[in-house]
PDB file of all heavy atoms in Angstrom:
ATOM      1  N   GLY A   1      56.874 -88.863-150.073  1.00  0.00           N
ATOM      2  CA  GLY A   1      55.829 -89.381-149.097  1.00  0.00           C
ATOM      3  C   GLY A   1      55.870 -90.857-148.971  1.00  0.00           C
ATOM      4  O   GLY A   1      55.538 -91.387-147.848  1.00  0.00           O
ATOM      5  N   VAL A   2      56.308 -91.573-150.084  1.00  0.00           N
ATOM      6  CA  VAL A   2      56.427 -93.169-149.884  1.00  0.00           C
ATOM      7  C   VAL A   2      57.556 -93.424-148.851  1.00  0.00           C
ATOM      8  O   VAL A   2      57.339 -94.222-148.033  1.00  0.00           O
ATOM      9  CB  VAL A   2      56.843 -93.731-151.263  1.00  0.00           C
ATOM     10  CG1 VAL A   2      57.403 -95.101-151.142  1.00  0.00           C
ATOM     11  CG2 VAL A   2      55.619 -93.708-152.156  1.00  0.00           C
ATOM     12  N   GLY A   3      58.663 -92.623-148.811  1.00  0.00           N
ATOM     13  CA  GLY A   3      59.651 -92.785-147.788  1.00  0.00           C
ATOM     14  C   GLY A   3      58.957 -92.555-146.446  1.00  0.00           C
ATOM     15  O   GLY A   3      59.351 -93.312-145.564  1.00  0.00           O
ATOM     16  N   ALA A   4      58.250 -91.536-146.300  1.00  0.00           N
ATOM     17  CA  ALA A   4      57.794 -91.095-144.915  1.00  0.00           C
ATOM     18  C   ALA A   4      56.810 -92.249-144.451  1.00  0.00           C
ATOM     19  O   ALA A   4      56.771 -92.591-143.270  1.00  0.00           O
ATOM     20  CB  ALA A   4      56.968 -89.852-145.033  1.00  0.00           C
ATOM     21  N   HIS A   5      56.049 -92.817-145.422  1.00  0.00           N
ATOM     22  CA  HIS A   5      55.077 -93.731-145.020  1.00  0.00           C
ATOM     23  C   HIS A   5      55.655 -95.135-144.768  1.00  0.00           C
ATOM     24  O   HIS A   5      54.978 -96.072-144.193  1.00  0.00           O
ATOM     25  CB  HIS A   5      53.948 -94.038-146.137  1.00  0.00           C
ATOM     26  CG  HIS A   5      52.865 -92.927-146.093  1.00  0.00           C
ATOM     27  ND1 HIS A   5      53.043 -91.727-146.611  1.00  0.00           N
ATOM     28  CD2 HIS A   5      51.584 -92.991-145.591  1.00  0.00           C
ATOM     29  CE1 HIS A   5      51.972 -91.050-146.382  1.00  0.00           C
ATOM     30  NE2 HIS A   5      51.100 -91.836-145.765  1.00  0.00           N
ATOM     31  N   ALA A   6      56.936 -95.298-144.990  1.00  0.00           N
ATOM     32  CA  ALA A   6      57.663 -96.585-144.649  1.00  0.00           C
ATOM     33  C   ALA A   6      57.551 -96.937-143.178  1.00  0.00           C
ATOM     34  O   ALA A   6      57.622 -97.973-142.599  1.00  0.00           O
ATOM     35  CB  ALA A   6      59.114 -96.552-145.112  1.00  0.00           C
ATOM     36  N   LEU A   7      57.344 -95.797-142.366  1.00  0.00           N
ATOM     37  CA  LEU A   7      57.336 -95.944-140.895  1.00  0.00           C
ATOM     38  C   LEU A   7      55.859 -95.670-140.353  1.00  0.00           C
ATOM     39  O   LEU A   7      55.735 -95.603-139.101  1.00  0.00           O
ATOM     40  CB  LEU A   7      58.222 -94.975-140.149  1.00  0.00           C
ATOM     41  CG  LEU A   7      59.739 -95.208-140.553  1.00  0.00           C
ATOM     42  CD1 LEU A   7      60.554 -94.163-139.764  1.00  0.00           C
ATOM     43  CD2 LEU A   7      60.216 -96.528-140.243  1.00  0.00           C
ATOM     44  N   ALA A   8      54.872 -95.700-141.174  1.00  0.00           N
ATOM     45  CA  ALA A   8      53.483 -95.538-140.730  1.00  0.00           C
ATOM     46  C   ALA A   8      53.108 -96.607-139.783  1.00  0.00           C
ATOM     47  O   ALA A   8      53.425 -97.836-140.158  1.00  0.00           O
ATOM     48  CB  ALA A   8      52.560 -95.422-141.966  1.00  0.00           C
ATOM     49  N   ARG A   9      52.402 -96.264-138.734  1.00  0.00           N
ATOM     50  CA  ARG A   9      52.035 -97.349-137.758  1.00  0.00           C
ATOM     51  C   ARG A   9      50.681 -97.837-137.925  1.00  0.00           C
ATOM     52  O   ARG A   9      50.283 -98.917-137.444  1.00  0.00           O
ATOM     53  CB  ARG A   9      52.130 -96.767-136.360  1.00  0.00           C
ATOM     54  CG  ARG A   9      53.609 -96.316-135.858  1.00  0.00           C
ATOM     55  CD  ARG A   9      53.534 -95.873-134.578  1.00  0.00           C
ATOM     56  NE  ARG A   9      52.962 -94.658-134.214  1.00  0.00           N
ATOM     57  CZ  ARG A   9      53.581 -93.476-134.282  1.00  0.00           C
ATOM     58  NH1 ARG A   9      54.747 -93.388-134.704  1.00  0.00           N
ATOM     59  NH2 ARG A   9      52.739 -92.443-134.039  1.00  0.00           N
ATOM     60  N   GLY A  10      49.743 -97.242-138.786  1.00  0.00           N
ATOM     61  CA  GLY A  10      48.625 -97.837-139.007  1.00  0.00           C
ATOM     62  C   GLY A  10      48.508 -99.045-139.969  1.00  0.00           C
ATOM     63  O   GLY A  10      49.126 -99.050-140.979  1.00  0.00           O
ATOM     64  N   GLY A  11      47.766-100.017-139.499  1.00  0.00           N
ATOM     65  CA  GLY A  11      47.591-101.155-140.458  1.00  0.00           C
ATOM     66  C   GLY A  11      46.413-101.031-141.394  1.00  0.00           C
ATOM     67  O   GLY A  11      45.767 -99.990-141.414  1.00  0.00           O
ATOM     68  N   PHE A  12      46.104-102.164-142.225  1.00  0.00           N
ATOM     69  CA  PHE A  12      45.011-102.129-143.102  1.00  0.00           C
ATOM     70  C   PHE A  12      43.705-101.831-142.464  1.00  0.00           C
ATOM     71  O   PHE A  12      42.909-100.962-142.935  1.00  0.00           O
ATOM     72  CB  PHE A  12      45.016-103.515-143.753  1.00  0.00           C
ATOM     73  CG  PHE A  12      43.727-103.516-144.687  1.00  0.00           C
ATOM     74  CD1 PHE A  12      43.732-102.968-146.024  1.00  0.00           C
ATOM     75  CD2 PHE A  12      42.705-104.363-144.337  1.00  0.00           C
ATOM     76  CE1 PHE A  12      42.621-103.031-146.811  1.00  0.00           C
ATOM     77  CE2 PHE A  12      41.559-104.477-145.141  1.00  0.00           C
ATOM     78  CZ  PHE A  12      41.490-103.783-146.346  1.00  0.00           C
ATOM     79  N   LEU A  13      43.371-102.519-141.371  1.00  0.00           N
ATOM     80  CA  LEU A  13      42.148-102.372-140.636  1.00  0.00           C
ATOM     81  C   LEU A  13      41.957-100.937-140.145  1.00  0.00           C
ATOM     82  O   LEU A  13      40.943-100.319-140.307  1.00  0.00           O
ATOM     83  CB  LEU A  13      42.066-103.376-139.464  1.00  0.00           C
ATOM     84  CG  LEU A  13      40.700-103.409-138.718  1.00  0.00           C
ATOM     85  CD1 LEU A  13      39.551-103.704-139.668  1.00  0.00           C
ATOM     86  CD2 LEU A  13      40.721-104.309-137.557  1.00  0.00           C
ATOM     87  N   ALA A  14      43.016-100.469-139.498  1.00  0.00           N
ATOM     88  CA  ALA A  14      42.961 -98.984-138.973  1.00  0.00           C
ATOM     89  C   ALA A  14      42.641 -98.080-140.040  1.00  0.00           C
ATOM     90  O   ALA A  14      41.787 -97.216-139.965  1.00  0.00           O
ATOM     91  CB  ALA A  14      44.117 -98.663-138.195  1.00  0.00           C
ATOM     92  N   ASN A  15      43.273 -98.186-141.279  1.00  0.00           N
ATOM     93  CA  ASN A  15      43.049 -97.354-142.354  1.00  0.00           C
ATOM     94  C   ASN A  15      41.640 -97.487-142.917  1.00  0.00           C
ATOM     95  O   ASN A  15      41.088 -96.559-143.284  1.00  0.00           O
ATOM     96  CB  ASN A  15      44.128 -97.505-143.465  1.00  0.00           C
ATOM     97  CG  ASN A  15      45.409 -96.860-143.131  1.00  0.00           C
ATOM     98  OD1 ASN A  15      45.673 -95.634-143.338  1.00  0.00           O
ATOM     99  ND2 ASN A  15      46.354 -97.651-142.500  1.00  0.00           N
ATOM    100  N   ALA A  16      41.208 -98.646-142.978  1.00  0.00           N
ATOM    101  CA  ALA A  16      39.867 -99.035-143.576  1.00  0.00           C
ATOM    102  C   ALA A  16      38.726 -98.276-142.686  1.00  0.00           C
ATOM    103  O   ALA A  16      37.762 -97.816-143.166  1.00  0.00           O
ATOM    104  CB  ALA A  16      39.571-100.441-143.672  1.00  0.00           C
ATOM    105  N   LEU A  17      39.006 -98.271-141.404  1.00  0.00           N
ATOM    106  CA  LEU A  17      38.076 -97.837-140.463  1.00  0.00           C
ATOM    107  C   LEU A  17      38.225 -96.259-140.261  1.00  0.00           C
ATOM    108  O   LEU A  17      37.491 -95.645-139.448  1.00  0.00           O
ATOM    109  CB  LEU A  17      38.089 -98.530-139.072  1.00  0.00           C
ATOM    110  CG  LEU A  17      37.761-100.062-139.100  1.00  0.00           C
ATOM    111  CD1 LEU A  17      38.059-100.611-137.748  1.00  0.00           C
ATOM    112  CD2 LEU A  17      36.282-100.217-139.615  1.00  0.00           C
ATOM    113  N   THR A  18      39.217 -95.751-140.871  1.00  0.00           N
ATOM    114  CA  THR A  18      39.649 -94.307-140.630  1.00  0.00           C
ATOM    115  C   THR A  18      39.584 -93.934-139.177  1.00  0.00           C
ATOM    116  O   THR A  18      38.962 -92.927-138.853  1.00  0.00           O
ATOM    117  CB  THR A  18      38.738 -93.327-141.486  1.00  0.00           C
ATOM    118  OG1 THR A  18      37.330 -93.566-141.041  1.00  0.00           O
ATOM    119  CG2 THR A  18      38.797 -93.634-142.930  1.00  0.00           C
ATOM    120  N   LEU A  19      40.296 -94.744-138.380  1.00  0.00           N
ATOM    121  CA  LEU A  19      40.472 -94.314-136.991  1.00  0.00           C
ATOM    122  C   LEU A  19      41.024 -92.991-136.775  1.00  0.00           C
ATOM    123  O   LEU A  19      41.959 -92.607-137.637  1.00  0.00           O
ATOM    124  CB  LEU A  19      41.129 -95.449-136.219  1.00  0.00           C
ATOM    125  CG  LEU A  19      40.574 -96.842-136.236  1.00  0.00           C
ATOM    126  CD1 LEU A  19      41.394 -97.893-135.569  1.00  0.00           C
ATOM    127  CD2 LEU A  19      39.165 -96.807-135.711  1.00  0.00           C
ATOM    128  N   PRO A  20      40.747 -92.253-135.611  1.00  0.00           N
ATOM    129  CA  PRO A  20      41.397 -90.978-135.487  1.00  0.00           C
ATOM    130  C   PRO A  20      42.887 -90.794-135.476  1.00  0.00           C
ATOM    131  O   PRO A  20      43.368 -89.857-136.189  1.00  0.00           O
ATOM    132  CB  PRO A  20      40.775 -90.520-134.069  1.00  0.00           C
ATOM    133  CG  PRO A  20      39.561 -91.349-133.983  1.00  0.00           C
ATOM    134  CD  PRO A  20      39.818 -92.649-134.604  1.00  0.00           C
ATOM    135  N   PHE A  21      43.493 -91.786-135.009  1.00  0.00           N
ATOM    136  CA  PHE A  21      45.053 -91.691-135.000  1.00  0.00           C
ATOM    137  C   PHE A  21      45.627 -91.914-136.454  1.00  0.00           C
ATOM    138  O   PHE A  21      46.638 -91.381-136.684  1.00  0.00           O
ATOM    139  CB  PHE A  21      45.652 -92.757-134.021  1.00  0.00           C
ATOM    140  CG  PHE A  21      45.930 -94.126-134.638  1.00  0.00           C
ATOM    141  CD1 PHE A  21      47.013 -94.395-135.354  1.00  0.00           C
ATOM    142  CD2 PHE A  21      44.806 -95.041-134.594  1.00  0.00           C
ATOM    143  CE1 PHE A  21      47.192 -95.637-135.847  1.00  0.00           C
ATOM    144  CE2 PHE A  21      45.056 -96.399-135.122  1.00  0.00           C
ATOM    145  CZ  PHE A  21      46.159 -96.672-135.729  1.00  0.00           C
ATOM    146  N   VAL A  22      44.796 -92.519-137.331  1.00  0.00           N
ATOM    147  CA  VAL A  22      45.265 -92.629-138.663  1.00  0.00           C
ATOM    148  C   VAL A  22      45.380 -91.262-139.349  1.00  0.00           C
ATOM    149  O   VAL A  22      46.294 -90.966-140.010  1.00  0.00           O
ATOM    150  CB  VAL A  22      44.380 -93.480-139.448  1.00  0.00           C
ATOM    151  CG1 VAL A  22      44.726 -93.542-140.996  1.00  0.00           C
ATOM    152  CG2 VAL A  22      44.436 -94.986-138.979  1.00  0.00           C
ATOM    153  N   ALA A  23      44.389 -90.474-139.017  1.00  0.00           N
ATOM    154  CA  ALA A  23      44.348 -89.111-139.702  1.00  0.00           C
ATOM    155  C   ALA A  23      45.481 -88.184-139.116  1.00  0.00           C
ATOM    156  O   ALA A  23      46.132 -87.507-139.891  1.00  0.00           O
ATOM    157  CB  ALA A  23      43.096 -88.327-139.433  1.00  0.00           C
ATOM    158  N   ARG A  24      45.738 -88.321-137.883  1.00  0.00           N
ATOM    159  CA  ARG A  24      46.886 -87.611-137.211  1.00  0.00           C
ATOM    160  C   ARG A  24      48.137 -88.227-137.852  1.00  0.00           C
ATOM    161  O   ARG A  24      49.062 -87.345-137.974  1.00  0.00           O
ATOM    162  CB  ARG A  24      46.848 -87.905-135.666  1.00  0.00           C
ATOM    163  CG  ARG A  24      45.756 -87.184-134.979  1.00  0.00           C
ATOM    164  CD  ARG A  24      45.924 -87.175-133.462  1.00  0.00           C
ATOM    165  NE  ARG A  24      46.058 -88.475-132.839  1.00  0.00           N
ATOM    166  CZ  ARG A  24      45.035 -89.153-132.315  1.00  0.00           C
ATOM    167  NH1 ARG A  24      43.868 -88.621-132.401  1.00  0.00           N
ATOM    168  NH2 ARG A  24      45.162 -90.384-131.891  1.00  0.00           N
ATOM    169  N   GLU A  25      48.277 -89.443-138.045  1.00  0.00           N
ATOM    170  CA  GLU A  25      49.487 -90.016-138.592  1.00  0.00           C
ATOM    171  C   GLU A  25      49.686 -89.515-139.992  1.00  0.00           C
ATOM    172  O   GLU A  25      50.798 -89.120-140.368  1.00  0.00           O
ATOM    173  CB  GLU A  25      49.383 -91.528-138.599  1.00  0.00           C
ATOM    174  CG  GLU A  25      50.686 -92.289-139.131  1.00  0.00           C
ATOM    175  CD  GLU A  25      51.724 -92.561-138.174  1.00  0.00           C
ATOM    176  OE1 GLU A  25      51.716 -91.831-137.142  1.00  0.00           O
ATOM    177  OE2 GLU A  25      52.610 -93.314-138.488  1.00  0.00           O
ATOM    178  N   GLU A  26      48.719 -89.429-140.786  1.00  0.00           N
ATOM    179  CA  GLU A  26      48.787 -89.000-142.137  1.00  0.00           C
ATOM    180  C   GLU A  26      49.253 -87.537-142.244  1.00  0.00           C
ATOM    181  O   GLU A  26      50.056 -87.087-142.939  1.00  0.00           O
ATOM    182  CB  GLU A  26      47.469 -89.001-142.839  1.00  0.00           C
ATOM    183  CG  GLU A  26      46.984 -90.440-143.284  1.00  0.00           C
ATOM    184  CD  GLU A  26      47.967 -91.007-144.370  1.00  0.00           C
ATOM    185  OE1 GLU A  26      48.347 -90.118-145.151  1.00  0.00           O
ATOM    186  OE2 GLU A  26      48.166 -92.215-144.284  1.00  0.00           O
ATOM    187  N   ARG A  27      48.730 -86.714-141.259  1.00  0.00           N
ATOM    188  CA  ARG A  27      49.181 -85.311-141.217  1.00  0.00           C
ATOM    189  C   ARG A  27      50.636 -85.259-140.760  1.00  0.00           C
ATOM    190  O   ARG A  27      51.427 -84.318-141.409  1.00  0.00           O
ATOM    191  CB  ARG A  27      48.331 -84.483-140.241  1.00  0.00           C
ATOM    192  CG  ARG A  27      46.942 -84.153-140.627  1.00  0.00           C
ATOM    193  CD  ARG A  27      46.349 -83.039-139.722  1.00  0.00           C
ATOM    194  NE  ARG A  27      46.154 -83.540-138.401  1.00  0.00           N
ATOM    195  CZ  ARG A  27      45.045 -84.170-137.941  1.00  0.00           C
ATOM    196  NH1 ARG A  27      44.044 -84.532-138.691  1.00  0.00           N
ATOM    197  NH2 ARG A  27      44.981 -84.599-136.619  1.00  0.00           N
ATOM    198  N   ARG A  28      51.041 -86.008-139.904  1.00  0.00           N
ATOM    199  CA  ARG A  28      52.391 -85.907-139.398  1.00  0.00           C
ATOM    200  C   ARG A  28      53.304 -86.329-140.554  1.00  0.00           C
ATOM    201  O   ARG A  28      54.416 -85.719-140.833  1.00  0.00           O
ATOM    202  CB  ARG A  28      52.591 -86.923-138.221  1.00  0.00           C
ATOM    203  CG  ARG A  28      54.075 -86.905-137.652  1.00  0.00           C
ATOM    204  CD  ARG A  28      54.157 -87.905-136.399  1.00  0.00           C
ATOM    205  NE  ARG A  28      53.983 -89.298-136.944  1.00  0.00           N
ATOM    206  CZ  ARG A  28      54.967 -90.032-137.328  1.00  0.00           C
ATOM    207  NH1 ARG A  28      56.131 -89.551-137.360  1.00  0.00           N
ATOM    208  NH2 ARG A  28      54.766 -91.324-137.573  1.00  0.00           N
ATOM    209  N   LEU A  29      53.045 -87.346-141.286  1.00  0.00           N
ATOM    210  CA  LEU A  29      53.840 -87.884-142.365  1.00  0.00           C
ATOM    211  C   LEU A  29      53.916 -86.831-143.512  1.00  0.00           C
ATOM    212  O   LEU A  29      54.858 -86.587-144.213  1.00  0.00           O
ATOM    213  CB  LEU A  29      53.405 -89.173-142.853  1.00  0.00           C
ATOM    214  CG  LEU A  29      53.425 -90.368-141.914  1.00  0.00           C
ATOM    215  CD1 LEU A  29      52.861 -91.628-142.385  1.00  0.00           C
ATOM    216  CD2 LEU A  29      54.887 -90.587-141.406  1.00  0.00           C
ATOM    217  N   SER A  30      52.707 -86.347-143.774  1.00  0.00           N
ATOM    218  CA  SER A  30      52.634 -85.295-144.805  1.00  0.00           C
ATOM    219  C   SER A  30      53.542 -84.120-144.494  1.00  0.00           C
ATOM    220  O   SER A  30      54.192 -83.537-145.404  1.00  0.00           O
ATOM    221  CB  SER A  30      51.161 -84.877-145.023  1.00  0.00           C
ATOM    222  OG  SER A  30      51.125 -83.801-145.996  1.00  0.00           O
ATOM    223  N   GLU A  31      53.411 -83.652-143.264  1.00  0.00           N
ATOM    224  CA  GLU A  31      54.323 -82.529-142.857  1.00  0.00           C
ATOM    225  C   GLU A  31      55.762 -82.829-143.026  1.00  0.00           C
ATOM    226  O   GLU A  31      56.554 -81.946-143.300  1.00  0.00           O
ATOM    227  CB  GLU A  31      53.993 -82.150-141.358  1.00  0.00           C
ATOM    228  CG  GLU A  31      52.629 -81.495-141.225  1.00  0.00           C
ATOM    229  CD  GLU A  31      52.092 -81.286-139.766  1.00  0.00           C
ATOM    230  OE1 GLU A  31      52.782 -81.736-138.878  1.00  0.00           O
ATOM    231  OE2 GLU A  31      51.074 -80.869-139.565  1.00  0.00           O
ATOM    232  N   ARG A  32      56.069 -84.064-142.607  1.00  0.00           N
ATOM    233  CA  ARG A  32      57.491 -84.419-142.724  1.00  0.00           C
ATOM    234  C   ARG A  32      57.964 -84.426-144.173  1.00  0.00           C
ATOM    235  O   ARG A  32      59.078 -83.883-144.615  1.00  0.00           O
ATOM    236  CB  ARG A  32      57.731 -85.908-142.229  1.00  0.00           C
ATOM    237  CG  ARG A  32      59.231 -86.347-142.300  1.00  0.00           C
ATOM    238  CD  ARG A  32      59.360 -87.790-141.912  1.00  0.00           C
ATOM    239  NE  ARG A  32      58.902 -88.027-140.513  1.00  0.00           N
ATOM    240  CZ  ARG A  32      58.825 -89.299-139.928  1.00  0.00           C
ATOM    241  NH1 ARG A  32      59.167 -90.365-140.671  1.00  0.00           N
ATOM    242  NH2 ARG A  32      58.409 -89.356-138.733  1.00  0.00           N
ATOM    243  N   ALA A  33      57.077 -84.931-145.123  1.00  0.00           N
ATOM    244  CA  ALA A  33      57.455 -84.935-146.513  1.00  0.00           C
ATOM    245  C   ALA A  33      57.571 -83.447-147.054  1.00  0.00           C
ATOM    246  O   ALA A  33      58.576 -83.144-147.782  1.00  0.00           O
ATOM    247  CB  ALA A  33      56.420 -85.590-147.331  1.00  0.00           C
TER     248      ALA A  33
END
């Protein structure tokens, strides 16, 4: 998962605010792993 998150597009603020695209990104990276 660390490898997959190397290309995550969400920044600190987006993750802190749990914006919708962050959840989608997390699912995509989890599925890749």
